[in-house]
Protein backbone atom coordinates (compact mmCIF):
# COMPACT_ATOMS: atom_id res chain seq x y z
CA MET A 1 0.29 16.29 42.62
CA LEU A 2 1.12 18.16 39.39
CA LYS A 3 4.61 19.17 38.32
CA ILE A 4 5.20 20.96 35.02
CA GLU A 5 8.81 21.46 33.99
CA ASN A 6 9.78 23.93 31.26
CA ILE A 7 7.06 23.08 28.75
CA SER A 8 6.82 24.92 25.45
CA LYS A 9 4.28 24.69 22.65
CA THR A 10 4.41 26.34 19.23
CA PHE A 11 1.68 26.17 16.61
CA ASN A 12 2.22 26.41 12.83
CA LYS A 13 5.98 26.01 13.09
CA SER A 14 8.12 27.38 10.26
CA THR A 15 5.20 29.30 8.71
CA ILE A 16 4.21 32.95 8.69
CA ASN A 17 1.53 32.02 11.27
CA GLU A 18 4.00 30.53 13.74
CA LYS A 19 2.98 31.32 17.30
CA LYS A 20 4.66 30.25 20.53
CA VAL A 21 1.77 29.77 22.95
CA LEU A 22 3.61 28.24 25.92
CA ASN A 23 7.10 29.54 26.64
CA ASN A 24 9.29 27.45 28.96
CA LEU A 25 6.50 27.31 31.56
CA SER A 26 6.92 25.61 34.93
CA LEU A 27 4.28 25.07 37.61
CA LEU A 28 3.99 23.00 40.79
CA LEU A 29 0.65 22.14 42.42
CA ASN A 30 0.41 20.42 45.77
CA LYS A 31 -2.42 18.00 46.50
CA GLY A 32 -5.60 19.93 47.26
CA ASP A 33 -4.48 23.18 45.64
CA PHE A 34 -7.38 25.07 44.03
CA VAL A 35 -5.71 27.43 41.56
CA THR A 36 -7.56 30.07 39.55
CA VAL A 37 -5.98 31.14 36.25
CA ILE A 38 -6.44 34.51 34.55
CA GLY A 39 -4.81 36.23 31.61
CA SER A 40 -5.48 38.11 28.39
CA ASN A 41 -6.51 36.61 25.09
CA GLY A 42 -3.69 34.43 23.73
CA ALA A 43 -1.91 34.20 27.08
CA GLY A 44 -1.86 30.40 26.81
CA LYS A 45 -4.44 29.54 29.48
CA SER A 46 -6.49 27.01 27.52
CA THR A 47 -3.38 25.65 25.82
CA LEU A 48 -1.94 24.94 29.24
CA LEU A 49 -5.01 22.89 30.18
CA ASN A 50 -5.05 21.19 26.78
CA THR A 51 -1.41 20.21 27.25
CA ILE A 52 -2.07 18.81 30.72
CA SER A 53 -5.07 16.84 29.46
CA GLY A 54 -3.18 15.39 26.49
CA MET A 55 -5.02 17.20 23.71
CA TYR A 56 -1.63 18.69 22.83
CA ILE A 57 1.79 17.16 23.40
CA PRO A 58 4.41 19.71 24.51
CA ASP A 59 7.28 20.39 22.13
CA GLU A 60 9.65 20.51 25.08
CA GLY A 61 9.53 19.84 28.81
CA HIS A 62 7.76 17.33 31.01
CA ILE A 63 4.47 16.95 32.87
CA TYR A 64 4.32 14.80 35.99
CA LEU A 65 1.11 13.77 37.71
CA ASP A 66 1.55 12.15 41.11
CA ASN A 67 5.24 11.59 40.22
CA LYS A 68 4.38 9.83 36.95
CA ASP A 69 5.64 11.33 33.68
CA ILE A 70 2.53 11.71 31.49
CA SER A 71 4.13 14.01 28.90
CA LYS A 72 3.73 11.57 25.99
CA LEU A 73 0.51 9.84 27.02
CA LYS A 74 -2.44 10.26 24.69
CA GLU A 75 -5.56 12.10 25.83
CA PHE A 76 -7.66 8.95 26.32
CA GLN A 77 -4.92 7.43 28.47
CA ARG A 78 -4.89 10.48 30.77
CA ALA A 79 -8.70 10.54 31.02
CA LYS A 80 -8.49 7.81 33.67
CA PHE A 81 -7.05 10.25 36.19
CA ILE A 82 -7.95 13.71 34.84
CA GLY A 83 -11.40 15.29 35.10
CA ARG A 84 -12.32 18.17 32.81
CA VAL A 85 -15.20 20.59 32.30
CA PHE A 86 -15.35 22.88 29.26
CA GLN A 87 -16.98 26.25 28.71
CA ASP A 88 -19.78 24.81 26.57
CA PRO A 89 -22.36 23.07 28.81
CA LEU A 90 -23.21 20.74 25.91
CA MET A 91 -19.72 19.23 25.62
CA GLY A 92 -19.56 17.18 28.81
CA THR A 93 -22.74 15.12 28.49
CA ALA A 94 -24.58 12.96 25.96
CA ALA A 95 -27.94 14.67 25.31
CA ASP A 96 -29.77 11.60 23.99
CA MET A 97 -28.79 9.43 26.95
CA LEU A 98 -30.48 9.33 30.34
CA ILE A 99 -29.01 11.14 33.35
CA GLU A 100 -28.24 7.79 35.00
CA GLU A 101 -26.56 6.52 31.82
CA ASN A 102 -24.31 9.57 31.67
CA LEU A 103 -23.37 9.06 35.32
CA ALA A 104 -22.76 5.35 34.74
CA LEU A 105 -20.31 6.10 31.93
CA ALA A 106 -18.44 8.56 34.14
CA ASN A 107 -18.49 6.17 37.10
CA ARG A 108 -16.90 3.44 34.97
CA ARG A 109 -14.12 5.63 33.61
CA GLY A 110 -11.02 3.51 33.25
CA LYS A 111 -13.11 0.37 33.55
CA ASN A 112 -15.38 -1.56 31.21
CA ARG A 113 -17.63 1.17 29.80
CA THR A 114 -20.33 -1.04 28.29
CA LEU A 115 -23.90 -0.56 29.51
CA SER A 116 -24.86 -4.09 28.48
CA ILE A 117 -25.04 -5.24 32.11
CA GLY A 118 -27.33 -2.33 32.92
CA ILE A 119 -27.34 -0.04 35.91
CA ASN A 120 -27.95 -1.82 39.19
CA LYS A 121 -29.87 -0.66 42.24
CA LYS A 122 -26.71 0.09 44.22
CA GLU A 123 -25.48 2.44 41.49
CA ARG A 124 -28.80 4.25 41.32
CA ILE A 125 -28.70 4.90 45.05
CA ILE A 126 -25.16 6.31 44.74
CA PHE A 127 -26.20 8.49 41.79
CA GLN A 128 -29.25 9.81 43.66
CA GLU A 129 -27.16 10.70 46.72
CA LYS A 130 -24.60 12.55 44.62
CA LEU A 131 -27.25 14.37 42.60
CA LYS A 132 -29.03 15.36 45.80
CA SER A 133 -25.90 17.17 46.95
CA LEU A 134 -26.27 19.53 43.95
CA ASN A 135 -29.61 20.85 45.30
CA LEU A 136 -31.08 20.99 41.82
CA GLY A 137 -33.78 18.33 42.18
CA LEU A 138 -32.06 16.02 39.69
CA GLU A 139 -32.03 13.05 42.08
CA ASP A 140 -35.64 12.28 41.08
CA ARG A 141 -34.98 12.61 37.34
CA LEU A 142 -32.52 9.76 36.71
CA SER A 143 -34.61 8.35 33.85
CA GLU A 144 -34.89 11.66 31.96
CA LYS A 145 -32.72 12.50 28.96
CA VAL A 146 -29.95 14.99 29.62
CA GLY A 147 -31.07 17.03 26.60
CA VAL A 148 -34.08 18.38 28.51
CA LEU A 149 -31.91 19.98 31.20
CA SER A 150 -30.97 23.66 31.28
CA GLY A 151 -27.41 24.79 30.59
CA GLY A 152 -26.70 25.26 34.28
CA GLN A 153 -28.11 21.84 35.18
CA ARG A 154 -26.03 20.19 32.46
CA GLN A 155 -22.88 21.97 33.61
CA ALA A 156 -23.53 20.89 37.21
CA LEU A 157 -24.07 17.32 35.99
CA THR A 158 -20.85 17.54 33.99
CA LEU A 159 -19.02 18.64 37.14
CA LEU A 160 -20.42 15.67 39.02
CA MET A 161 -19.39 13.33 36.20
CA ALA A 162 -15.88 14.79 36.11
CA THR A 163 -15.41 14.27 39.84
CA ILE A 164 -17.38 11.08 40.52
CA GLN A 165 -14.17 9.02 40.34
CA GLU A 166 -12.20 11.66 42.28
CA PRO A 167 -9.61 12.48 39.60
CA GLN A 168 -6.03 13.28 40.49
CA ILE A 169 -6.54 16.69 38.94
CA LEU A 170 -9.63 18.63 37.84
CA LEU A 171 -9.37 21.06 34.90
CA LEU A 172 -12.05 23.75 34.55
CA ASP A 173 -11.83 25.79 31.35
CA GLU A 174 -14.05 28.87 31.91
CA HIS A 175 -16.85 26.46 32.81
CA THR A 176 -19.26 29.23 33.87
CA ALA A 177 -18.58 31.70 31.03
CA ALA A 178 -21.61 30.61 28.96
CA LEU A 179 -24.04 30.85 31.88
CA ASP A 180 -26.06 33.79 33.14
CA PRO A 181 -24.69 35.43 36.32
CA ALA A 182 -27.12 33.76 38.73
CA THR A 183 -26.58 30.31 37.25
CA ALA A 184 -22.81 30.86 37.10
CA LYS A 185 -22.80 31.69 40.81
CA LYS A 186 -24.72 28.49 41.58
CA VAL A 187 -22.36 26.35 39.49
CA LEU A 188 -19.33 27.97 41.15
CA SER A 189 -20.80 27.17 44.56
CA ILE A 190 -21.27 23.55 43.49
CA THR A 191 -17.71 23.55 42.17
CA GLU A 192 -16.31 24.80 45.45
CA ASN A 193 -18.28 22.22 47.43
CA LEU A 194 -17.14 19.31 45.25
CA VAL A 195 -13.51 20.45 45.30
CA GLN A 196 -13.43 20.93 49.07
CA LYS A 197 -15.39 17.78 49.90
CA ASN A 198 -13.07 15.59 47.83
CA ASN A 199 -9.87 17.64 48.38
CA LEU A 200 -9.41 17.81 44.61
CA THR A 201 -6.35 19.41 43.05
CA THR A 202 -7.92 21.91 40.65
CA LEU A 203 -6.95 24.37 37.92
CA MET A 204 -9.77 26.77 37.02
CA ILE A 205 -9.54 29.29 34.19
CA THR A 206 -12.02 32.10 34.74
CA HIS A 207 -13.18 35.12 32.76
CA ASN A 208 -14.22 36.87 35.96
CA MET A 209 -11.49 38.58 37.96
CA GLN A 210 -13.55 38.72 41.15
CA ASP A 211 -14.18 34.98 40.93
CA ALA A 212 -10.44 34.44 40.53
CA ILE A 213 -9.93 36.30 43.80
CA ASP A 214 -12.87 34.78 45.68
CA TYR A 215 -12.33 31.11 44.84
CA GLY A 216 -9.41 28.82 45.51
CA ASN A 217 -6.30 29.16 47.65
CA ARG A 218 -4.00 30.35 44.88
CA LEU A 219 -4.12 32.60 41.80
CA ILE A 220 -1.82 32.64 38.78
CA MET A 221 -1.74 35.19 35.98
CA MET A 222 -0.46 34.27 32.53
CA ASP A 223 0.88 36.43 29.71
CA LYS A 224 2.56 35.40 26.45
CA GLY A 225 2.81 31.77 27.46
CA LYS A 226 4.38 32.42 30.86
CA ILE A 227 3.22 32.67 34.44
CA ILE A 228 3.87 36.27 35.48
CA LEU A 229 2.16 36.22 38.86
CA ASP A 230 1.64 33.45 41.42
CA ILE A 231 -0.04 34.52 44.63
CA SER A 232 -1.61 32.52 47.45
CA GLY A 233 -2.69 32.51 51.09
CA GLU A 234 -3.33 35.78 52.89
CA ASN A 235 -1.84 37.81 50.03
CA LYS A 236 -4.48 36.42 47.68
CA ASN A 237 -7.32 36.86 50.16
CA LYS A 238 -6.51 40.57 50.52
CA LEU A 239 -6.40 41.22 46.78
CA THR A 240 -8.85 43.58 45.08
CA LYS A 241 -9.66 43.84 41.38
CA PHE A 242 -8.00 47.25 41.29
CA GLU A 243 -4.77 45.85 42.75
CA LEU A 244 -4.83 42.92 40.36
CA ILE A 245 -5.23 45.23 37.36
CA ASN A 246 -2.30 47.32 38.64
CA LYS A 247 -0.16 44.20 38.99
CA PHE A 248 -0.99 43.21 35.40
CA ASN A 249 -0.03 46.69 34.17
CA GLN A 250 3.24 46.63 36.09
CA LEU A 251 4.23 43.15 34.94
CA THR A 252 3.30 43.63 31.28
CA GLU A 253 3.87 47.38 30.84
CA ASN A 254 0.22 47.84 29.86
CA THR A 255 -2.16 50.65 30.77
CA LEU A 256 -5.27 48.63 31.53
CA GLU A 257 -8.09 50.55 33.25
CA ASN A 258 -10.48 47.62 33.79
CA ASP A 259 -10.59 43.87 33.38
CA ASN A 260 -12.47 43.74 30.06
CA ILE A 261 -9.38 43.29 27.92
CA LEU A 262 -7.48 41.28 30.49
CA LEU A 263 -10.16 38.63 30.68
CA SER A 264 -11.39 38.63 27.08
CA ARG A 265 -10.91 35.50 25.03
């Protein structure tokens, strides 16, 4: 579903602040892969997602989505087939619009986005059914403004909006980092359900090493713009935080004792 070939990205070229953030990186994701991504600050995690989404264009290399070269497409052109959720729960929704209006915009992604024709009864039924699956009681609040929702509710709604059209790939950029532990656990559970139900190919950056182990079928570790570890299947399922820290130390010649530095932003 996703094929990345030798992409590189450098910021502030030819200045004293020049920094190579992605370094000849390659990655292949099969349809339905749920890949968690970890790495230290500056490893290139968010830049990788930004390059896939079209926020940045790679200096070198190619990105293929479902065998189509999207390397030069602009971000709005890729939005038709890429879903994304950011760390900030406020970024994915329009606070002054109703819940049903937010869902209608997401449901019409790639189509005519105007609300001039209104939201019909059939759409409302679909929205209620999908909201009911979140188990947050939002199915009876379609006519409320999104701004009155809690951070966790807004992030869950954003997840639903990002997946309502079943994107070819879902990008999650530390989407639970701003939530309290209990709410983060709930949102992760919703994430897993949506991904599994729709067999969505997913890349999830996480600040929590245990979550990286517990969720998904594959884990990659990044450092200095490269993928230094790619582990899946039974090998991933057997991993512990201690073993993962040791692997990071071995691969980067660090002496990390816990995951605080490894997962800091």
